PDB file of N, CA and C in Angstrom:
ATOM      1  N   MET A   1    -146.047 139.811 -42.946  1.00  0.00           N
ATOM      2  CA  MET A   1    -146.631 140.634 -42.129  1.00  0.00           C
ATOM      3  C   MET A   1    -146.355 142.191 -42.650  1.00  0.00           C
ATOM      4  N   LYS A   2    -147.231 143.082 -42.253  1.00  0.00           N
ATOM      5  CA  LYS A   2    -147.256 144.171 -42.747  1.00  0.00           C
ATOM      6  C   LYS A   2    -147.204 145.463 -41.675  1.00  0.00           C
ATOM      7  N   ASN A   3    -146.833 146.610 -42.249  1.00  0.00           N
ATOM      8  CA  ASN A   3    -146.738 147.903 -41.308  1.00  0.00           C
ATOM      9  C   ASN A   3    -148.087 148.481 -41.430  1.00  0.00           C
ATOM     10  N   PHE A   4    -148.607 149.152 -40.359  1.00  0.00           N
ATOM     11  CA  PHE A   4    -149.822 149.879 -40.516  1.00  0.00           C
ATOM     12  C   PHE A   4    -149.846 150.976 -39.411  1.00  0.00           C
ATOM     13  N   LYS A   5    -150.864 151.689 -39.490  1.00  0.00           N
ATOM     14  CA  LYS A   5    -151.252 152.787 -38.700  1.00  0.00           C
ATOM     15  C   LYS A   5    -152.628 152.706 -37.996  1.00  0.00           C
ATOM     16  N   VAL A   6    -152.848 153.173 -36.715  1.00  0.00           N
ATOM     17  CA  VAL A   6    -154.052 153.046 -35.886  1.00  0.00           C
ATOM     18  C   VAL A   6    -154.202 154.152 -35.060  1.00  0.00           C
ATOM     19  N   GLU A   7    -155.369 154.628 -34.898  1.00  0.00           N
ATOM     20  CA  GLU A   7    -155.519 155.751 -33.726  1.00  0.00           C
ATOM     21  C   GLU A   7    -156.413 155.044 -32.634  1.00  0.00           C
ATOM     22  N   ALA A   8    -155.758 155.409 -31.485  1.00  0.00           N
ATOM     23  CA  ALA A   8    -156.307 154.955 -30.266  1.00  0.00           C
ATOM     24  C   ALA A   8    -155.955 156.107 -29.320  1.00  0.00           C
ATOM     25  N   GLU A   9    -156.828 156.251 -28.259  1.00  0.00           N
ATOM     26  CA  GLU A   9    -156.398 157.260 -27.147  1.00  0.00           C
ATOM     27  C   GLU A   9    -155.974 158.477 -27.643  1.00  0.00           C
ATOM     28  N   GLY A  10    -156.626 159.062 -28.870  1.00  0.00           N
ATOM     29  CA  GLY A  10    -156.360 160.188 -29.235  1.00  0.00           C
ATOM     30  C   GLY A  10    -155.081 160.521 -29.862  1.00  0.00           C
ATOM     31  N   ALA A  11    -154.424 159.569 -30.125  1.00  0.00           N
ATOM     32  CA  ALA A  11    -153.002 159.523 -30.906  1.00  0.00           C
ATOM     33  C   ALA A  11    -153.069 158.404 -31.924  1.00  0.00           C
ATOM     34  N   GLU A  12    -152.097 158.686 -32.995  1.00  0.00           N
ATOM     35  CA  GLU A  12    -151.977 157.788 -34.085  1.00  0.00           C
ATOM     36  C   GLU A  12    -150.518 156.946 -33.807  1.00  0.00           C
ATOM     37  N   PHE A  13    -150.725 155.621 -33.966  1.00  0.00           N
ATOM     38  CA  PHE A  13    -149.710 154.833 -33.572  1.00  0.00           C
ATOM     39  C   PHE A  13    -149.179 154.224 -34.836  1.00  0.00           C
ATOM     40  N   ASP A  14    -148.082 154.118 -35.243  1.00  0.00           N
ATOM     41  CA  ASP A  14    -147.315 153.694 -36.394  1.00  0.00           C
ATOM     42  C   ASP A  14    -146.610 152.251 -36.047  1.00  0.00           C
ATOM     43  N   PHE A  15    -146.985 151.176 -36.483  1.00  0.00           N
ATOM     44  CA  PHE A  15    -146.577 149.884 -36.278  1.00  0.00           C
ATOM     45  C   PHE A  15    -145.609 149.408 -37.323  1.00  0.00           C
ATOM     46  N   PHE A  16    -144.381 148.987 -37.131  1.00  0.00           N
ATOM     47  CA  PHE A  16    -143.498 148.453 -38.096  1.00  0.00           C
ATOM     48  C   PHE A  16    -143.191 147.073 -37.664  1.00  0.00           C
ATOM     49  N   THR A  17    -143.327 146.137 -38.525  1.00  0.00           N
ATOM     50  CA  THR A  17    -143.175 144.697 -38.193  1.00  0.00           C
ATOM     51  C   THR A  17    -141.636 144.429 -38.040  1.00  0.00           C
ATOM     52  N   MET A  18    -141.250 143.517 -37.124  1.00  0.00           N
ATOM     53  CA  MET A  18    -139.934 143.197 -36.922  1.00  0.00           C
ATOM     54  C   MET A  18    -139.642 141.704 -37.366  1.00  0.00           C
ATOM     55  N   ASN A  19    -140.637 141.208 -38.035  1.00  0.00           N
ATOM     56  CA  ASN A  19    -140.670 139.795 -38.533  1.00  0.00           C
ATOM     57  C   ASN A  19    -141.452 139.640 -39.738  1.00  0.00           C
ATOM     58  N   ILE A  20    -140.844 139.252 -40.811  1.00  0.00           N
ATOM     59  CA  ILE A  20    -141.680 139.178 -42.081  1.00  0.00           C
ATOM     60  C   ILE A  20    -142.404 137.930 -42.331  1.00  0.00           C
ATOM     61  N   LYS A  21    -142.382 136.909 -41.413  1.00  0.00           N
ATOM     62  CA  LYS A  21    -142.846 135.463 -41.608  1.00  0.00           C
ATOM     63  C   LYS A  21    -144.003 135.496 -40.594  1.00  0.00           C
ATOM     64  N   ARG A  22    -144.010 136.007 -39.650  1.00  0.00           N
ATOM     65  CA  ARG A  22    -145.226 135.646 -38.442  1.00  0.00           C
ATOM     66  C   ARG A  22    -145.342 136.821 -37.823  1.00  0.00           C
ATOM     67  N   LEU A  23    -146.537 137.113 -37.155  1.00  0.00           N
ATOM     68  CA  LEU A  23    -146.934 138.176 -36.053  1.00  0.00           C
ATOM     69  C   LEU A  23    -146.026 137.777 -34.825  1.00  0.00           C
ATOM     70  N   GLN A  24    -145.069 138.614 -34.696  1.00  0.00           N
ATOM     71  CA  GLN A  24    -144.276 138.248 -33.494  1.00  0.00           C
ATOM     72  C   GLN A  24    -143.888 139.646 -32.653  1.00  0.00           C
ATOM     73  N   ALA A  25    -143.449 140.581 -33.333  1.00  0.00           N
ATOM     74  CA  ALA A  25    -142.796 141.761 -32.682  1.00  0.00           C
ATOM     75  C   ALA A  25    -143.038 143.052 -33.550  1.00  0.00           C
ATOM     76  N   PHE A  26    -143.256 144.213 -33.031  1.00  0.00           N
ATOM     77  CA  PHE A  26    -143.450 145.320 -33.707  1.00  0.00           C
ATOM     78  C   PHE A  26    -142.688 146.578 -32.886  1.00  0.00           C
ATOM     79  N   GLN A  27    -142.056 147.441 -33.809  1.00  0.00           N
ATOM     80  CA  GLN A  27    -141.721 148.708 -33.324  1.00  0.00           C
ATOM     81  C   GLN A  27    -142.918 149.619 -33.432  1.00  0.00           C
ATOM     82  N   VAL A  28    -143.348 150.253 -32.272  1.00  0.00           N
ATOM     83  CA  VAL A  28    -144.430 151.281 -32.421  1.00  0.00           C
ATOM     84  C   VAL A  28    -143.964 152.605 -32.159  1.00  0.00           C
ATOM     85  N   TYR A  29    -144.324 153.611 -33.145  1.00  0.00           N
ATOM     86  CA  TYR A  29    -144.036 154.957 -33.042  1.00  0.00           C
ATOM     87  C   TYR A  29    -145.301 155.787 -32.587  1.00  0.00           C
ATOM     88  N   VAL A  30    -145.149 156.767 -31.706  1.00  0.00           N
ATOM     89  CA  VAL A  30    -146.304 157.543 -31.433  1.00  0.00           C
ATOM     90  C   VAL A  30    -145.775 159.075 -31.077  1.00  0.00           C
ATOM     91  N   ALA A  31    -146.531 160.135 -31.464  1.00  0.00           N
ATOM     92  CA  ALA A  31    -145.955 161.467 -30.958  1.00  0.00           C
ATOM     93  C   ALA A  31    -146.381 161.677 -29.643  1.00  0.00           C
ATOM     94  N   HIS A  32    -145.699 162.371 -28.637  1.00  0.00           N
ATOM     95  CA  HIS A  32    -146.020 162.535 -27.453  1.00  0.00           C
ATOM     96  C   HIS A  32    -145.215 163.810 -26.931  1.00  0.00           C
ATOM     97  N   LYS A  33    -146.012 164.661 -26.723  1.00  0.00           N
ATOM     98  CA  LYS A  33    -145.391 166.021 -26.069  1.00  0.00           C
ATOM     99  C   LYS A  33    -144.505 166.587 -27.042  1.00  0.00           C
ATOM    100  N   GLY A  34    -144.728 166.533 -28.342  1.00  0.00           N
ATOM    101  CA  GLY A  34    -143.883 167.214 -29.484  1.00  0.00           C
ATOM    102  C   GLY A  34    -142.829 166.294 -29.783  1.00  0.00           C
ATOM    103  N   GLU A  35    -142.728 165.097 -29.352  1.00  0.00           N
ATOM    104  CA  GLU A  35    -141.534 164.206 -29.833  1.00  0.00           C
ATOM    105  C   GLU A  35    -142.059 162.937 -30.049  1.00  0.00           C
ATOM    106  N   GLN A  36    -141.188 162.124 -31.132  1.00  0.00           N
ATOM    107  CA  GLN A  36    -141.546 161.089 -31.484  1.00  0.00           C
ATOM    108  C   GLN A  36    -141.005 159.835 -30.449  1.00  0.00           C
ATOM    109  N   VAL A  37    -141.908 158.992 -30.011  1.00  0.00           N
ATOM    110  CA  VAL A  37    -141.462 157.933 -28.952  1.00  0.00           C
ATOM    111  C   VAL A  37    -141.542 156.617 -29.586  1.00  0.00           C
ATOM    112  N   ARG A  38    -140.582 155.769 -29.348  1.00  0.00           N
ATOM    113  CA  ARG A  38    -140.722 154.369 -29.709  1.00  0.00           C
ATOM    114  C   ARG A  38    -140.664 153.504 -28.606  1.00  0.00           C
ATOM    115  N   PHE A  39    -141.498 152.580 -28.763  1.00  0.00           N
ATOM    116  CA  PHE A  39    -141.688 151.256 -27.919  1.00  0.00           C
ATOM    117  C   PHE A  39    -141.931 149.957 -28.697  1.00  0.00           C
ATOM    118  N   HIS A  40    -141.763 148.927 -27.985  1.00  0.00           N
ATOM    119  CA  HIS A  40    -142.029 147.742 -28.746  1.00  0.00           C
ATOM    120  C   HIS A  40    -142.981 146.841 -28.208  1.00  0.00           C
ATOM    121  N   MET A  41    -143.694 146.129 -29.099  1.00  0.00           N
ATOM    122  CA  MET A  41    -144.837 145.210 -28.709  1.00  0.00           C
ATOM    123  C   MET A  41    -144.450 143.861 -29.183  1.00  0.00           C
ATOM    124  N   GLN A  42    -144.567 142.722 -28.281  1.00  0.00           N
ATOM    125  CA  GLN A  42    -144.145 141.551 -28.632  1.00  0.00           C
ATOM    126  C   GLN A  42    -145.255 140.461 -28.305  1.00  0.00           C
ATOM    127  N   LEU A  43    -145.172 139.398 -29.103  1.00  0.00           N
ATOM    128  CA  LEU A  43    -146.199 138.326 -28.946  1.00  0.00           C
ATOM    129  C   LEU A  43    -145.643 137.427 -27.602  1.00  0.00           C
ATOM    130  N   ASN A  44    -146.691 137.314 -26.666  1.00  0.00           N
ATOM    131  CA  ASN A  44    -146.724 136.327 -25.586  1.00  0.00           C
ATOM    132  C   ASN A  44    -147.205 135.068 -26.203  1.00  0.00           C
ATOM    133  N   ASP A  45    -146.181 134.159 -26.571  1.00  0.00           N
ATOM    134  CA  ASP A  45    -146.474 132.931 -27.153  1.00  0.00           C
ATOM    135  C   ASP A  45    -147.578 132.072 -26.276  1.00  0.00           C
ATOM    136  N   GLN A  46    -147.476 132.138 -24.914  1.00  0.00           N
ATOM    137  CA  GLN A  46    -148.409 131.538 -24.195  1.00  0.00           C
ATOM    138  C   GLN A  46    -149.809 131.878 -24.187  1.00  0.00           C
ATOM    139  N   THR A  47    -149.943 133.080 -24.220  1.00  0.00           N
ATOM    140  CA  THR A  47    -151.477 133.785 -24.375  1.00  0.00           C
ATOM    141  C   THR A  47    -151.983 133.960 -25.648  1.00  0.00           C
ATOM    142  N   GLY A  48    -150.956 134.335 -26.742  1.00  0.00           N
ATOM    143  CA  GLY A  48    -151.226 134.604 -27.923  1.00  0.00           C
ATOM    144  C   GLY A  48    -151.693 136.138 -27.984  1.00  0.00           C
ATOM    145  N   ASP A  49    -151.495 136.978 -27.090  1.00  0.00           N
ATOM    146  CA  ASP A  49    -151.554 138.513 -27.189  1.00  0.00           C
ATOM    147  C   ASP A  49    -150.373 139.049 -27.235  1.00  0.00           C
ATOM    148  N   PHE A  50    -150.239 140.337 -27.584  1.00  0.00           N
ATOM    149  CA  PHE A  50    -149.204 141.225 -27.840  1.00  0.00           C
ATOM    150  C   PHE A  50    -149.176 142.153 -26.479  1.00  0.00           C
ATOM    151  N   TYR A  51    -148.037 142.385 -26.002  1.00  0.00           N
ATOM    152  CA  TYR A  51    -147.797 143.295 -24.815  1.00  0.00           C
ATOM    153  C   TYR A  51    -146.672 144.344 -25.142  1.00  0.00           C
ATOM    154  N   ILE A  52    -146.731 145.530 -24.399  1.00  0.00           N
ATOM    155  CA  ILE A  52    -145.626 146.306 -24.323  1.00  0.00           C
ATOM    156  C   ILE A  52    -144.456 145.875 -23.615  1.00  0.00           C
ATOM    157  N   THR A  53    -143.362 145.735 -24.212  1.00  0.00           N
ATOM    158  CA  THR A  53    -142.264 144.834 -23.623  1.00  0.00           C
ATOM    159  C   THR A  53    -141.503 145.775 -22.537  1.00  0.00           C
ATOM    160  N   ASP A  54    -141.434 147.041 -22.598  1.00  0.00           N
ATOM    161  CA  ASP A  54    -140.803 147.777 -21.606  1.00  0.00           C
ATOM    162  C   ASP A  54    -141.641 149.131 -21.421  1.00  0.00           C
ATOM    163  N   LYS A  55    -142.484 149.140 -20.626  1.00  0.00           N
ATOM    164  CA  LYS A  55    -143.612 150.084 -20.294  1.00  0.00           C
ATOM    165  C   LYS A  55    -142.867 151.437 -20.007  1.00  0.00           C
ATOM    166  N   ALA A  56    -141.581 151.330 -19.478  1.00  0.00           N
ATOM    167  CA  ALA A  56    -140.889 152.801 -19.196  1.00  0.00           C
ATOM    168  C   ALA A  56    -140.659 153.470 -20.492  1.00  0.00           C
ATOM    169  N   LYS A  57    -140.539 152.720 -21.751  1.00  0.00           N
ATOM    170  CA  LYS A  57    -140.265 153.440 -22.833  1.00  0.00           C
ATOM    171  C   LYS A  57    -141.617 153.949 -23.421  1.00  0.00           C
ATOM    172  N   CYS A  58    -142.842 153.634 -22.991  1.00  0.00           N
ATOM    173  CA  CYS A  58    -144.180 153.948 -23.383  1.00  0.00           C
ATOM    174  C   CYS A  58    -144.750 154.847 -22.509  1.00  0.00           C
ATOM    175  N   PRO A  59    -145.036 155.964 -23.018  1.00  0.00           N
ATOM    176  CA  PRO A  59    -145.879 156.995 -22.144  1.00  0.00           C
ATOM    177  C   PRO A  59    -146.901 156.504 -21.346  1.00  0.00           C
ATOM    178  N   ALA A  60    -147.026 156.797 -20.094  1.00  0.00           N
ATOM    179  CA  ALA A  60    -147.866 156.165 -19.351  1.00  0.00           C
ATOM    180  C   ALA A  60    -149.310 156.332 -19.473  1.00  0.00           C
ATOM    181  N   GLU A  61    -149.702 157.329 -20.414  1.00  0.00           N
ATOM    182  CA  GLU A  61    -151.220 157.697 -20.653  1.00  0.00           C
ATOM    183  C   GLU A  61    -151.470 156.690 -21.808  1.00  0.00           C
ATOM    184  N   PHE A  62    -150.570 155.948 -22.514  1.00  0.00           N
ATOM    185  CA  PHE A  62    -150.849 155.090 -23.438  1.00  0.00           C
ATOM    186  C   PHE A  62    -150.836 153.655 -22.851  1.00  0.00           C
ATOM    187  N   HIS A  63    -150.588 153.292 -21.778  1.00  0.00           N
ATOM    188  CA  HIS A  63    -150.546 151.940 -21.022  1.00  0.00           C
ATOM    189  C   HIS A  63    -151.911 151.359 -21.205  1.00  0.00           C
ATOM    190  N   GLN A  64    -152.887 152.207 -21.066  1.00  0.00           N
ATOM    191  CA  GLN A  64    -154.315 151.720 -20.867  1.00  0.00           C
ATOM    192  C   GLN A  64    -154.809 151.246 -22.383  1.00  0.00           C
ATOM    193  N   ALA A  65    -153.974 151.607 -23.458  1.00  0.00           N
ATOM    194  CA  ALA A  65    -154.390 151.294 -24.727  1.00  0.00           C
ATOM    195  C   ALA A  65    -153.624 149.857 -25.229  1.00  0.00           C
ATOM    196  N   GLU A  66    -153.045 149.305 -24.273  1.00  0.00           N
ATOM    197  CA  GLU A  66    -152.239 148.005 -24.824  1.00  0.00           C
ATOM    198  C   GLU A  66    -153.349 146.983 -25.237  1.00  0.00           C
ATOM    199  N   ASP A  67    -154.520 146.923 -24.725  1.00  0.00           N
ATOM    200  CA  ASP A  67    -155.402 145.780 -25.201  1.00  0.00           C
ATOM    201  C   ASP A  67    -155.812 146.045 -26.665  1.00  0.00           C
ATOM    202  N   LEU A  68    -156.188 147.544 -26.765  1.00  0.00           N
ATOM    203  CA  LEU A  68    -156.526 148.100 -28.097  1.00  0.00           C
ATOM    204  C   LEU A  68    -155.510 147.852 -29.091  1.00  0.00           C
ATOM    205  N   LEU A  69    -154.176 148.142 -28.812  1.00  0.00           N
ATOM    206  CA  LEU A  69    -153.108 147.797 -29.717  1.00  0.00           C
ATOM    207  C   LEU A  69    -152.873 146.494 -30.080  1.00  0.00           C
ATOM    208  N   ASN A  70    -152.901 145.568 -28.928  1.00  0.00           N
ATOM    209  CA  ASN A  70    -152.870 144.107 -29.246  1.00  0.00           C
ATOM    210  C   ASN A  70    -153.955 143.661 -30.375  1.00  0.00           C
ATOM    211  N   LYS A  71    -155.067 144.138 -30.199  1.00  0.00           N
ATOM    212  CA  LYS A  71    -156.348 143.572 -30.989  1.00  0.00           C
ATOM    213  C   LYS A  71    -155.816 144.357 -32.425  1.00  0.00           C
ATOM    214  N   ALA A  72    -155.416 145.620 -32.519  1.00  0.00           N
ATOM    215  CA  ALA A  72    -155.085 146.209 -33.813  1.00  0.00           C
ATOM    216  C   ALA A  72    -153.860 145.217 -34.581  1.00  0.00           C
ATOM    217  N   ILE A  73    -152.887 144.993 -33.907  1.00  0.00           N
ATOM    218  CA  ILE A  73    -152.026 144.025 -34.464  1.00  0.00           C
ATOM    219  C   ILE A  73    -152.652 142.826 -35.057  1.00  0.00           C
ATOM    220  N   LYS A  74    -153.456 142.211 -34.136  1.00  0.00           N
ATOM    221  CA  LYS A  74    -154.122 140.799 -34.782  1.00  0.00           C
ATOM    222  C   LYS A  74    -154.948 141.155 -35.985  1.00  0.00           C
ATOM    223  N   ILE A  75    -155.469 142.271 -36.212  1.00  0.00           N
ATOM    224  CA  ILE A  75    -156.441 142.675 -37.228  1.00  0.00           C
ATOM    225  C   ILE A  75    -155.584 143.217 -38.544  1.00  0.00           C
ATOM    226  N   TYR A  76    -154.694 144.197 -38.321  1.00  0.00           N
ATOM    227  CA  TYR A  76    -154.097 144.937 -39.476  1.00  0.00           C
ATOM    228  C   TYR A  76    -152.693 144.407 -39.643  1.00  0.00           C
ATOM    229  N   GLY A  77    -152.112 143.636 -38.846  1.00  0.00           N
ATOM    230  CA  GLY A  77    -150.600 143.265 -38.977  1.00  0.00           C
ATOM    231  C   GLY A  77    -150.487 142.033 -39.856  1.00  0.00           C
ATOM    232  N   LYS A  78    -151.514 141.341 -40.282  1.00  0.00           N
ATOM    233  CA  LYS A  78    -151.460 140.144 -41.186  1.00  0.00           C
ATOM    234  C   LYS A  78    -151.464 140.686 -42.609  1.00  0.00           C
ATOM    235  N   GLU A  79    -150.696 139.897 -43.293  1.00  0.00           N
ATOM    236  CA  GLU A  79    -150.764 140.123 -44.772  1.00  0.00           C
ATOM    237  C   GLU A  79    -152.190 139.623 -45.284  1.00  0.00           C
ATOM    238  N   ASP A  80    -152.661 140.437 -46.398  1.00  0.00           N
ATOM    239  CA  ASP A  80    -154.067 140.070 -46.747  1.00  0.00           C
ATOM    240  C   ASP A  80    -153.775 138.859 -47.747  1.00  0.00           C
TER     241      ASP A  80
END
């Protein structure tokens, strides 16, 4: 699995894989109000989608980007 960056909702998100063998969990960093914020996205094994594990750690204005970030992980998080 690999690390990557993606732009969504007017911000740049940096994804850092937490598992080198399969798509499972990522630390996500984003700049918000001049500070670097970190939250996690994890795979829901039942649905196959990634979700923000603790919404309180992710700025509220980025909650709506969860589906876009999920799709980005599925596209860019895999090794080529």
